[in-house]
Amino acid sequence: MALHHVKVNGVRIAYRVQGEGPPLVLVMGYRLSSSAWPPTFIEQLARRFTVITLDDRGTGLSDKPVTGMRSPTWHGMYADSSTSSK
């Protein structure tokens, strides 16, 4: 699974795409990166979906900004990233 990046509100977000089918975005819980998803789980989902796993801002291979870690900022990031990668 290749690593990609998209810039959202000035923050570089790392994500991976695997599989084919309707898109399914997996958002890991607080402070964990996308690498916490079990590989077999992703492989199973990728049989039916285009699975997109991302490293939230401040985690994994995404930028780690000093500010903007409040929940409303994150909600806007997800909405923006869905259009930024097109």
C-alpha atoms as a PDB file:
ATOM      1  CA  MET A   1       0.000   0.000   0.000  1.00  0.00           C
ATOM      2  CA  ALA A   2       1.634   3.226  -1.159  1.00  0.00           C
ATOM      3  CA  LEU A   3       1.822   6.250   1.107  1.00  0.00           C
ATOM      4  CA  HIS A   4       0.234   9.476  -0.165  1.00  0.00           C
ATOM      5  CA  HIS A   5      -0.005  12.978   1.242  1.00  0.00           C
ATOM      6  CA  VAL A   6      -2.563  15.745   0.916  1.00  0.00           C
ATOM      7  CA  LYS A   7      -2.261  19.249   2.350  1.00  0.00           C
ATOM      8  CA  VAL A   8      -5.344  20.334   4.305  1.00  0.00           C
ATOM      9  CA  ASN A   9      -5.453  23.798   5.864  1.00  0.00           C
ATOM     10  CA  GLY A  10      -1.672  23.957   5.611  1.00  0.00           C
ATOM     11  CA  VAL A  11      -1.148  20.598   7.350  1.00  0.00           C
ATOM     12  CA  ARG A  12       0.267  17.615   5.451  1.00  0.00           C
ATOM     13  CA  ILE A  13      -1.870  14.516   6.066  1.00  0.00           C
ATOM     14  CA  ALA A  14      -0.537  11.032   5.284  1.00  0.00           C
ATOM     15  CA  TYR A  15      -2.906   8.393   3.942  1.00  0.00           C
ATOM     16  CA  ARG A  16      -2.948   5.031   2.189  1.00  0.00           C
ATOM     17  CA  VAL A  17      -5.436   3.580  -0.297  1.00  0.00           C
ATOM     18  CA  GLN A  18      -6.026  -0.118  -0.878  1.00  0.00           C
ATOM     19  CA  GLY A  19      -8.676  -2.149  -2.700  1.00  0.00           C
ATOM     20  CA  GLU A  20     -11.490  -1.378  -5.097  1.00  0.00           C
ATOM     21  CA  GLY A  21     -15.147  -0.577  -4.623  1.00  0.00           C
ATOM     22  CA  PRO A  22     -17.078   2.062  -2.722  1.00  0.00           C
ATOM     23  CA  PRO A  23     -14.824   4.279  -0.575  1.00  0.00           C
ATOM     24  CA  LEU A  24     -14.469   3.433   3.098  1.00  0.00           C
ATOM     25  CA  VAL A  25     -12.471   5.849   5.266  1.00  0.00           C
ATOM     26  CA  LEU A  26     -11.083   4.456   8.519  1.00  0.00           C
ATOM     27  CA  VAL A  27     -10.275   7.061  11.160  1.00  0.00           C
ATOM     28  CA  MET A  28      -8.208   5.753  14.060  1.00  0.00           C
ATOM     29  CA  GLY A  29      -8.955   6.856  17.602  1.00  0.00           C
ATOM     30  CA  TYR A  30      -7.160   9.560  19.498  1.00  0.00           C
ATOM     31  CA  ARG A  31      -3.338   9.463  19.363  1.00  0.00           C
ATOM     32  CA  LEU A  32      -3.048   6.338  17.217  1.00  0.00           C
ATOM     33  CA  SER A  33      -1.841   6.286  13.615  1.00  0.00           C
ATOM     34  CA  SER A  34      -3.236   4.244  10.755  1.00  0.00           C
ATOM     35  CA  SER A  35      -0.543   1.617  11.375  1.00  0.00           C
ATOM     36  CA  ALA A  36      -2.593   0.467  14.394  1.00  0.00           C
ATOM     37  CA  TRP A  37      -5.186  -1.136  12.080  1.00  0.00           C
ATOM     38  CA  PRO A  38      -4.467  -4.885  11.809  1.00  0.00           C
ATOM     39  CA  PRO A  39      -3.232  -5.666   8.259  1.00  0.00           C
ATOM     40  CA  THR A  40      -5.572  -8.667   7.925  1.00  0.00           C
ATOM     41  CA  PHE A  41      -8.542  -6.432   8.804  1.00  0.00           C
ATOM     42  CA  ILE A  42      -7.582  -3.958   6.051  1.00  0.00           C
ATOM     43  CA  GLU A  43      -7.008  -6.764   3.545  1.00  0.00           C
ATOM     44  CA  GLN A  44     -10.456  -8.224   4.252  1.00  0.00           C
ATOM     45  CA  LEU A  45     -12.148  -4.844   3.786  1.00  0.00           C
ATOM     46  CA  ALA A  46     -10.129  -4.133   0.628  1.00  0.00           C
ATOM     47  CA  ARG A  47     -11.803  -7.079  -1.069  1.00  0.00           C
ATOM     48  CA  ARG A  48     -15.046  -5.095  -1.190  1.00  0.00           C
ATOM     49  CA  PHE A  49     -14.083  -1.447  -0.659  1.00  0.00           C
ATOM     50  CA  THR A  50     -11.525   1.185  -1.547  1.00  0.00           C
ATOM     51  CA  VAL A  51     -10.105   1.453   1.958  1.00  0.00           C
ATOM     52  CA  ILE A  52      -8.553   4.792   2.904  1.00  0.00           C
ATOM     53  CA  THR A  53      -6.592   4.857   6.153  1.00  0.00           C
ATOM     54  CA  LEU A  54      -5.151   8.133   7.335  1.00  0.00           C
ATOM     55  CA  ASP A  55      -2.825   9.414   9.987  1.00  0.00           C
ATOM     56  CA  ASP A  56      -4.688  12.164  11.815  1.00  0.00           C
ATOM     57  CA  ARG A  57      -2.869  15.462  12.218  1.00  0.00           C
ATOM     58  CA  GLY A  58      -0.324  15.003  14.978  1.00  0.00           C
ATOM     59  CA  THR A  59       0.024  11.237  14.498  1.00  0.00           C
ATOM     60  CA  GLY A  60       2.062   8.829  12.396  1.00  0.00           C
ATOM     61  CA  LEU A  61       3.541  10.339   9.232  1.00  0.00           C
ATOM     62  CA  SER A  62       1.255  13.403   9.170  1.00  0.00           C
ATOM     63  CA  ASP A  63       2.424  16.838  10.250  1.00  0.00           C
ATOM     64  CA  LYS A  64       2.445  17.540  13.956  1.00  0.00           C
ATOM     65  CA  PRO A  65       1.368  21.181  14.306  1.00  0.00           C
ATOM     66  CA  VAL A  66       1.564  22.913  17.655  1.00  0.00           C
ATOM     67  CA  THR A  67      -1.967  24.353  17.348  1.00  0.00           C
ATOM     68  CA  GLY A  68      -5.248  23.192  15.840  1.00  0.00           C
ATOM     69  CA  MET A  69      -5.673  19.983  17.802  1.00  0.00           C
ATOM     70  CA  ARG A  70      -9.223  20.792  18.991  1.00  0.00           C
ATOM     71  CA  SER A  71     -12.128  18.660  17.760  1.00  0.00           C
ATOM     72  CA  PRO A  72     -13.775  21.370  15.549  1.00  0.00           C
ATOM     73  CA  THR A  73     -10.490  21.732  13.643  1.00  0.00           C
ATOM     74  CA  TRP A  74     -10.427  17.995  12.971  1.00  0.00           C
ATOM     75  CA  HIS A  75     -14.017  17.917  11.723  1.00  0.00           C
ATOM     76  CA  GLY A  76     -13.162  20.590   9.166  1.00  0.00           C
ATOM     77  CA  MET A  77     -10.055  18.652   8.145  1.00  0.00           C
ATOM     78  CA  TYR A  78     -12.071  15.572   7.221  1.00  0.00           C
ATOM     79  CA  ALA A  79     -14.553  17.592   5.193  1.00  0.00           C
ATOM     80  CA  ASP A  80     -11.724  19.458   3.418  1.00  0.00           C
ATOM     81  CA  SER A  81      -9.656  16.343   2.720  1.00  0.00           C
ATOM     82  CA  SER A  82     -12.548  14.647   0.952  1.00  0.00           C
ATOM     83  CA  THR A  83     -12.373  17.335  -1.725  1.00  0.00           C
ATOM     84  CA  SER A  84      -8.624  18.073  -1.606  1.00  0.00           C
ATOM     85  CA  SER A  85      -7.524  14.753  -3.051  1.00  0.00           C
ATOM     86  CA  LYS A  86      -9.625  15.056  -6.211  1.00  0.00           C
END
